[in-house]
Amino acid sequence: MTTQKHLFELIRDAEDLYGSIWPQKIGRILAVIAGEISVSGEDEHGVYQNTAEDTRLWLLDEAKKAEQFWGYSEKPPTD
């Protein structure tokens, strides 16, 4: 049975961020990102009206801004 890695582990592994402080730093970064995700409000049932696609597009847009000096590519590099 395969277990799915946690998001911080996927980031750590993809970017070679090994070291004792990286899991905590990645966790804090993810908390900041989660706090910045905008929602378009709630419907009558209290359900937020943004979608995973909205969040994905926002994150990709933010990644493009952050990587503007390094030549952004939406597809992660393959080894």
N, C-alpha and C. Protein backbone atom coordinates (compact mmCIF):
# COMPACT_ATOMS: atom_id res chain seq x y z
N MET A 1 0.85 -1.19 0.00
CA MET A 1 0.00 0.00 0.00
C MET A 1 0.89 1.24 0.00
N THR A 2 0.60 2.17 -0.93
CA THR A 2 1.38 3.40 -1.01
C THR A 2 0.72 4.49 -0.18
N THR A 3 1.54 5.23 0.52
CA THR A 3 0.99 6.35 1.28
C THR A 3 1.34 7.64 0.56
N GLN A 4 0.38 8.55 0.58
CA GLN A 4 0.58 9.84 -0.06
C GLN A 4 1.43 10.72 0.85
N LYS A 5 2.40 11.39 0.27
CA LYS A 5 3.25 12.29 1.04
C LYS A 5 2.48 13.55 1.41
N HIS A 6 2.87 14.16 2.52
CA HIS A 6 2.33 15.45 2.91
C HIS A 6 2.86 16.52 1.96
N LEU A 7 2.13 17.62 1.82
CA LEU A 7 2.52 18.68 0.91
C LEU A 7 3.91 19.21 1.23
N PHE A 8 4.23 19.40 2.51
CA PHE A 8 5.55 19.92 2.84
C PHE A 8 6.65 18.95 2.40
N GLU A 9 6.37 17.64 2.41
CA GLU A 9 7.36 16.66 1.96
C GLU A 9 7.55 16.73 0.45
N LEU A 10 6.47 16.92 -0.29
CA LEU A 10 6.56 17.04 -1.74
C LEU A 10 7.39 18.26 -2.12
N ILE A 11 7.16 19.38 -1.42
CA ILE A 11 7.92 20.60 -1.69
C ILE A 11 9.39 20.38 -1.34
N ARG A 12 9.63 19.84 -0.17
CA ARG A 12 11.01 19.59 0.29
C ARG A 12 11.76 18.72 -0.71
N ASP A 13 11.13 17.64 -1.14
CA ASP A 13 11.78 16.70 -2.05
C ASP A 13 11.99 17.32 -3.44
N ALA A 14 11.00 18.05 -3.94
CA ALA A 14 11.09 18.63 -5.28
C ALA A 14 12.17 19.70 -5.36
N GLU A 15 12.39 20.40 -4.26
CA GLU A 15 13.34 21.51 -4.27
C GLU A 15 14.64 21.20 -3.54
N ASP A 16 14.84 19.96 -3.13
CA ASP A 16 16.07 19.58 -2.42
C ASP A 16 16.26 20.40 -1.15
N LEU A 17 15.21 20.56 -0.38
CA LEU A 17 15.26 21.39 0.82
C LEU A 17 15.41 20.53 2.07
N TYR A 18 16.46 19.75 2.10
CA TYR A 18 16.67 18.89 3.25
C TYR A 18 17.36 19.67 4.36
N GLY A 19 16.98 19.39 5.58
CA GLY A 19 17.56 20.06 6.74
C GLY A 19 16.53 20.11 7.85
N SER A 20 16.99 20.28 9.05
CA SER A 20 16.10 20.17 10.21
C SER A 20 15.04 21.26 10.28
N ILE A 21 15.30 22.45 9.72
CA ILE A 21 14.33 23.53 9.87
C ILE A 21 13.34 23.62 8.71
N TRP A 22 13.60 22.93 7.61
CA TRP A 22 12.73 23.07 6.44
C TRP A 22 11.29 22.64 6.66
N PRO A 23 11.01 21.51 7.30
CA PRO A 23 9.59 21.17 7.48
C PRO A 23 8.80 22.25 8.22
N GLN A 24 9.38 22.85 9.24
CA GLN A 24 8.69 23.91 9.97
C GLN A 24 8.54 25.16 9.11
N LYS A 25 9.58 25.52 8.37
CA LYS A 25 9.51 26.69 7.51
C LYS A 25 8.46 26.50 6.41
N ILE A 26 8.46 25.32 5.80
CA ILE A 26 7.46 25.04 4.76
C ILE A 26 6.06 25.09 5.36
N GLY A 27 5.89 24.53 6.55
CA GLY A 27 4.58 24.58 7.21
C GLY A 27 4.11 26.00 7.43
N ARG A 28 5.02 26.87 7.85
CA ARG A 28 4.65 28.28 8.06
C ARG A 28 4.30 28.96 6.75
N ILE A 29 5.07 28.65 5.70
CA ILE A 29 4.78 29.23 4.39
C ILE A 29 3.40 28.79 3.91
N LEU A 30 3.08 27.51 4.07
CA LEU A 30 1.76 27.01 3.65
C LEU A 30 0.65 27.68 4.45
N ALA A 31 0.88 27.95 5.73
CA ALA A 31 -0.13 28.63 6.56
C ALA A 31 -0.35 30.06 6.05
N VAL A 32 0.73 30.74 5.67
CA VAL A 32 0.60 32.09 5.12
C VAL A 32 -0.20 32.05 3.82
N ILE A 33 0.13 31.09 2.96
CA ILE A 33 -0.59 30.95 1.68
C ILE A 33 -2.07 30.69 1.93
N ALA A 34 -2.37 29.78 2.83
CA ALA A 34 -3.78 29.46 3.13
C ALA A 34 -4.52 30.70 3.61
N GLY A 35 -3.85 31.53 4.40
CA GLY A 35 -4.49 32.74 4.90
C GLY A 35 -4.74 33.77 3.82
N GLU A 36 -4.03 33.68 2.71
CA GLU A 36 -4.17 34.64 1.63
C GLU A 36 -5.14 34.21 0.53
N ILE A 37 -5.61 32.99 0.57
CA ILE A 37 -6.52 32.51 -0.47
C ILE A 37 -7.86 33.23 -0.30
N SER A 38 -8.21 33.96 -1.35
CA SER A 38 -9.47 34.70 -1.27
C SER A 38 -10.64 33.80 -1.65
N VAL A 39 -11.75 34.07 -1.03
CA VAL A 39 -12.97 33.34 -1.34
C VAL A 39 -14.01 34.36 -1.78
N SER A 40 -14.94 33.95 -2.57
CA SER A 40 -15.92 34.88 -3.11
C SER A 40 -17.17 34.96 -2.26
N GLY A 41 -17.13 34.46 -1.05
CA GLY A 41 -18.29 34.53 -0.18
C GLY A 41 -18.92 33.18 0.01
N GLU A 42 -20.00 33.16 0.74
CA GLU A 42 -20.69 31.90 1.04
C GLU A 42 -22.08 31.91 0.42
N ASP A 43 -22.53 30.73 0.03
CA ASP A 43 -23.90 30.63 -0.45
C ASP A 43 -24.84 30.47 0.75
N GLU A 44 -26.07 30.20 0.49
CA GLU A 44 -27.07 30.09 1.57
C GLU A 44 -26.81 28.92 2.52
N HIS A 45 -25.95 28.00 2.12
CA HIS A 45 -25.62 26.84 2.95
C HIS A 45 -24.28 27.00 3.65
N GLY A 46 -23.65 28.17 3.53
CA GLY A 46 -22.37 28.40 4.17
C GLY A 46 -21.19 27.79 3.42
N VAL A 47 -21.40 27.49 2.14
CA VAL A 47 -20.34 26.88 1.33
C VAL A 47 -19.63 28.00 0.57
N TYR A 48 -18.30 27.99 0.63
CA TYR A 48 -17.53 29.00 -0.10
C TYR A 48 -17.67 28.81 -1.59
N GLN A 49 -17.65 29.90 -2.32
CA GLN A 49 -17.91 29.87 -3.74
C GLN A 49 -16.67 29.93 -4.63
N ASN A 50 -15.49 29.69 -4.08
CA ASN A 50 -14.36 29.58 -4.99
C ASN A 50 -14.06 28.10 -5.19
N THR A 51 -13.36 27.82 -6.25
CA THR A 51 -13.11 26.42 -6.59
C THR A 51 -11.63 26.10 -6.44
N ALA A 52 -11.31 24.85 -6.51
CA ALA A 52 -9.91 24.44 -6.51
C ALA A 52 -9.20 25.05 -7.70
N GLU A 53 -9.89 25.18 -8.82
CA GLU A 53 -9.29 25.79 -10.01
C GLU A 53 -8.95 27.25 -9.75
N ASP A 54 -9.82 27.98 -9.06
CA ASP A 54 -9.53 29.37 -8.70
C ASP A 54 -8.25 29.45 -7.88
N THR A 55 -8.13 28.58 -6.90
CA THR A 55 -6.96 28.56 -6.02
C THR A 55 -5.71 28.16 -6.79
N ARG A 56 -5.82 27.17 -7.65
CA ARG A 56 -4.69 26.72 -8.47
C ARG A 56 -4.19 27.85 -9.35
N LEU A 57 -5.10 28.56 -10.01
CA LEU A 57 -4.71 29.65 -10.89
C LEU A 57 -4.06 30.79 -10.11
N TRP A 58 -4.59 31.09 -8.92
CA TRP A 58 -4.00 32.13 -8.08
C TRP A 58 -2.58 31.74 -7.67
N LEU A 59 -2.39 30.49 -7.24
CA LEU A 59 -1.06 30.03 -6.84
C LEU A 59 -0.07 30.08 -8.01
N LEU A 60 -0.51 29.67 -9.19
CA LEU A 60 0.36 29.73 -10.37
C LEU A 60 0.72 31.18 -10.71
N ASP A 61 -0.23 32.09 -10.59
CA ASP A 61 0.04 33.49 -10.85
C ASP A 61 1.06 34.04 -9.85
N GLU A 62 0.92 33.67 -8.59
CA GLU A 62 1.88 34.10 -7.57
C GLU A 62 3.26 33.50 -7.83
N ALA A 63 3.30 32.24 -8.29
CA ALA A 63 4.58 31.61 -8.61
C ALA A 63 5.26 32.34 -9.76
N LYS A 64 4.48 32.74 -10.76
CA LYS A 64 5.04 33.49 -11.89
C LYS A 64 5.67 34.79 -11.41
N LYS A 65 4.99 35.49 -10.51
CA LYS A 65 5.52 36.74 -9.98
C LYS A 65 6.82 36.50 -9.23
N ALA A 66 6.86 35.45 -8.42
CA ALA A 66 8.03 35.17 -7.60
C ALA A 66 9.22 34.74 -8.45
N GLU A 67 8.97 34.08 -9.56
CA GLU A 67 10.04 33.54 -10.38
C GLU A 67 10.33 34.37 -11.62
N GLN A 68 9.86 35.59 -11.65
CA GLN A 68 9.99 36.40 -12.87
C GLN A 68 11.44 36.60 -13.30
N PHE A 69 12.37 36.56 -12.38
CA PHE A 69 13.77 36.77 -12.73
C PHE A 69 14.47 35.48 -13.15
N TRP A 70 13.83 34.33 -12.94
CA TRP A 70 14.48 33.05 -13.23
C TRP A 70 13.88 32.33 -14.41
N GLY A 71 12.97 32.93 -15.10
CA GLY A 71 12.34 32.28 -16.24
C GLY A 71 11.33 31.24 -15.80
N TYR A 72 10.13 31.67 -15.51
CA TYR A 72 9.06 30.81 -15.00
C TYR A 72 8.66 29.76 -16.01
N SER A 73 8.39 28.54 -15.50
CA SER A 73 7.83 27.48 -16.32
C SER A 73 6.74 26.81 -15.49
N GLU A 74 5.52 26.72 -16.04
CA GLU A 74 4.41 26.12 -15.30
C GLU A 74 4.67 24.66 -15.02
N LYS A 75 5.40 23.98 -15.89
CA LYS A 75 5.68 22.56 -15.67
C LYS A 75 6.94 22.43 -14.84
N PRO A 76 6.88 21.63 -13.78
CA PRO A 76 8.09 21.43 -12.97
C PRO A 76 9.17 20.72 -13.78
N PRO A 77 10.43 21.00 -13.46
CA PRO A 77 11.51 20.32 -14.20
C PRO A 77 11.50 18.83 -13.92
N THR A 78 11.91 18.06 -14.92
CA THR A 78 12.00 16.61 -14.74
C THR A 78 13.47 16.23 -14.71
N ASP A 79 13.76 15.24 -13.90
CA ASP A 79 15.15 14.79 -13.78
C ASP A 79 15.40 13.60 -14.67
